[in-house]
């Protein structure tokens, strides 16, 4: 059962990743905790994390 679920997840990830574009159209700009704009580069892959807190 676990192998079947794992296989289904891998196939789903493969299909979803094949549907995407190779490069972004335009820049991605976010704001950090100090309200400063942070722009991500477009020419190389970028990994970023969103950490949210509810206080």
N, C-alpha and C. Protein backbone atom coordinates (compact mmCIF):
# COMPACT_ATOMS: atom_id res chain seq x y z
N UNK A 1 0.82 -1.20 0.00
CA UNK A 1 0.00 0.00 0.00
C UNK A 1 0.87 1.26 0.00
N UNK A 2 1.93 1.28 0.81
CA UNK A 2 2.80 2.44 0.86
C UNK A 2 3.52 2.65 -0.46
N UNK A 3 3.90 1.56 -1.10
CA UNK A 3 4.60 1.66 -2.39
C UNK A 3 3.67 2.25 -3.44
N UNK A 4 2.41 1.90 -3.40
CA UNK A 4 1.44 2.43 -4.37
C UNK A 4 1.24 3.93 -4.17
N UNK A 5 1.15 4.36 -2.92
CA UNK A 5 0.98 5.79 -2.63
C UNK A 5 2.22 6.56 -3.04
N UNK A 6 3.40 6.01 -2.76
CA UNK A 6 4.64 6.66 -3.14
C UNK A 6 4.75 6.79 -4.66
N UNK A 7 4.40 5.73 -5.38
CA UNK A 7 4.44 5.77 -6.84
C UNK A 7 3.46 6.81 -7.38
N UNK A 8 2.27 6.88 -6.82
CA UNK A 8 1.28 7.87 -7.24
C UNK A 8 1.78 9.29 -6.98
N UNK A 9 2.42 9.51 -5.85
CA UNK A 9 2.96 10.84 -5.54
C UNK A 9 4.07 11.22 -6.51
N UNK A 10 4.96 10.28 -6.82
CA UNK A 10 6.05 10.56 -7.75
C UNK A 10 5.53 10.87 -9.15
N UNK A 11 4.54 10.14 -9.60
CA UNK A 11 3.95 10.41 -10.92
C UNK A 11 3.29 11.78 -10.92
N UNK A 12 2.59 12.13 -9.86
CA UNK A 12 1.94 13.44 -9.76
C UNK A 12 2.97 14.56 -9.79
N UNK A 13 4.05 14.41 -9.05
CA UNK A 13 5.10 15.43 -9.04
C UNK A 13 5.72 15.57 -10.42
N UNK A 14 5.95 14.46 -11.10
CA UNK A 14 6.52 14.50 -12.43
C UNK A 14 5.61 15.23 -13.41
N UNK A 15 4.32 14.96 -13.36
CA UNK A 15 3.37 15.62 -14.27
C UNK A 15 3.27 17.11 -13.96
N UNK A 16 3.20 17.47 -12.70
CA UNK A 16 3.08 18.88 -12.33
C UNK A 16 4.35 19.65 -12.71
N UNK A 17 5.51 19.06 -12.51
CA UNK A 17 6.75 19.75 -12.86
C UNK A 17 6.91 19.88 -14.36
N UNK A 18 6.36 18.97 -15.13
CA UNK A 18 6.46 19.06 -16.59
C UNK A 18 5.55 20.15 -17.15
N UNK A 19 4.55 20.56 -16.39
CA UNK A 19 3.60 21.57 -16.87
C UNK A 19 4.11 22.99 -16.66
N UNK A 20 5.17 23.18 -15.92
CA UNK A 20 5.67 24.51 -15.60
C UNK A 20 6.50 25.11 -16.71
N UNK A 21 6.83 26.38 -16.54
CA UNK A 21 7.67 27.09 -17.49
C UNK A 21 9.13 26.92 -17.09
N UNK A 22 10.02 27.09 -18.06
CA UNK A 22 11.45 26.99 -17.74
C UNK A 22 11.94 28.20 -16.97
N UNK A 23 11.47 29.39 -17.32
CA UNK A 23 11.89 30.60 -16.62
C UNK A 23 10.67 31.44 -16.26
N UNK A 24 10.84 32.26 -15.23
CA UNK A 24 9.76 33.15 -14.83
C UNK A 24 9.66 34.31 -15.81
N UNK A 25 8.48 34.83 -15.96
CA UNK A 25 8.25 36.02 -16.76
C UNK A 25 8.19 37.21 -15.81
N UNK A 26 9.28 37.88 -15.61
CA UNK A 26 9.32 39.02 -14.69
C UNK A 26 9.97 38.62 -13.38
N UNK A 27 10.22 39.60 -12.55
CA UNK A 27 10.91 39.33 -11.29
C UNK A 27 9.92 39.06 -10.17
N UNK A 28 10.39 38.36 -9.14
CA UNK A 28 9.57 38.07 -7.98
C UNK A 28 10.12 38.90 -6.82
N UNK A 29 9.29 39.79 -6.31
CA UNK A 29 9.71 40.66 -5.22
C UNK A 29 8.80 40.42 -4.02
N UNK A 30 9.42 40.17 -2.88
CA UNK A 30 8.69 39.97 -1.63
C UNK A 30 9.18 40.98 -0.60
N UNK A 31 8.48 41.07 0.51
CA UNK A 31 8.90 41.95 1.60
C UNK A 31 9.30 41.09 2.79
N UNK A 32 10.41 41.47 3.43
CA UNK A 32 10.86 40.73 4.60
C UNK A 32 10.25 41.31 5.87
N UNK A 33 10.69 40.82 7.03
CA UNK A 33 10.11 41.25 8.29
C UNK A 33 10.38 42.71 8.61
N UNK A 34 11.38 43.33 7.96
CA UNK A 34 11.69 44.74 8.17
C UNK A 34 11.02 45.63 7.13
N UNK A 35 10.10 45.07 6.36
CA UNK A 35 9.36 45.76 5.31
C UNK A 35 10.28 46.23 4.18
N UNK A 36 11.39 45.52 3.97
CA UNK A 36 12.29 45.82 2.86
C UNK A 36 11.98 44.87 1.71
N UNK A 37 12.10 45.36 0.48
CA UNK A 37 11.83 44.52 -0.68
C UNK A 37 13.02 43.61 -0.96
N UNK A 38 12.74 42.34 -1.22
CA UNK A 38 13.75 41.36 -1.56
C UNK A 38 13.39 40.80 -2.93
N UNK A 39 14.32 40.89 -3.90
CA UNK A 39 14.07 40.41 -5.25
C UNK A 39 14.89 39.15 -5.49
N UNK A 40 14.25 38.15 -6.07
CA UNK A 40 14.92 36.88 -6.35
C UNK A 40 15.45 36.88 -7.78
N UNK A 41 16.65 36.36 -7.99
CA UNK A 41 17.22 36.32 -9.35
C UNK A 41 16.44 35.35 -10.23
N UNK A 42 16.48 35.59 -11.55
CA UNK A 42 15.71 34.77 -12.49
C UNK A 42 16.58 33.79 -13.24
N UNK A 43 17.88 34.00 -13.31
CA UNK A 43 18.72 33.21 -14.18
C UNK A 43 19.20 31.91 -13.56
N UNK A 44 19.05 31.74 -12.26
CA UNK A 44 19.46 30.49 -11.63
C UNK A 44 18.39 30.06 -10.63
N UNK A 45 18.32 28.78 -10.32
CA UNK A 45 17.30 28.30 -9.39
C UNK A 45 17.49 28.89 -7.99
N UNK A 46 16.38 29.16 -7.33
CA UNK A 46 16.42 29.76 -6.00
C UNK A 46 15.49 28.96 -5.09
N UNK A 47 15.95 28.69 -3.88
CA UNK A 47 15.14 28.03 -2.88
C UNK A 47 14.91 29.02 -1.74
N UNK A 48 13.66 29.26 -1.41
CA UNK A 48 13.38 30.17 -0.31
C UNK A 48 12.28 29.58 0.56
N UNK A 49 12.26 29.99 1.83
CA UNK A 49 11.32 29.46 2.80
C UNK A 49 10.41 30.59 3.30
N UNK A 50 9.16 30.25 3.51
CA UNK A 50 8.23 31.17 4.15
C UNK A 50 8.03 30.71 5.58
N UNK A 51 8.32 31.57 6.53
CA UNK A 51 8.09 31.27 7.93
C UNK A 51 7.10 32.30 8.44
N UNK A 52 5.97 31.85 8.89
CA UNK A 52 4.96 32.77 9.40
C UNK A 52 4.72 32.49 10.87
N UNK A 53 4.42 33.54 11.60
CA UNK A 53 4.07 33.38 13.01
C UNK A 53 2.78 34.14 13.27
N UNK A 54 1.98 33.59 14.12
CA UNK A 54 0.74 34.24 14.53
C UNK A 54 0.86 34.55 16.01
N UNK A 55 1.09 35.82 16.31
CA UNK A 55 1.23 36.20 17.72
C UNK A 55 0.21 37.23 18.08
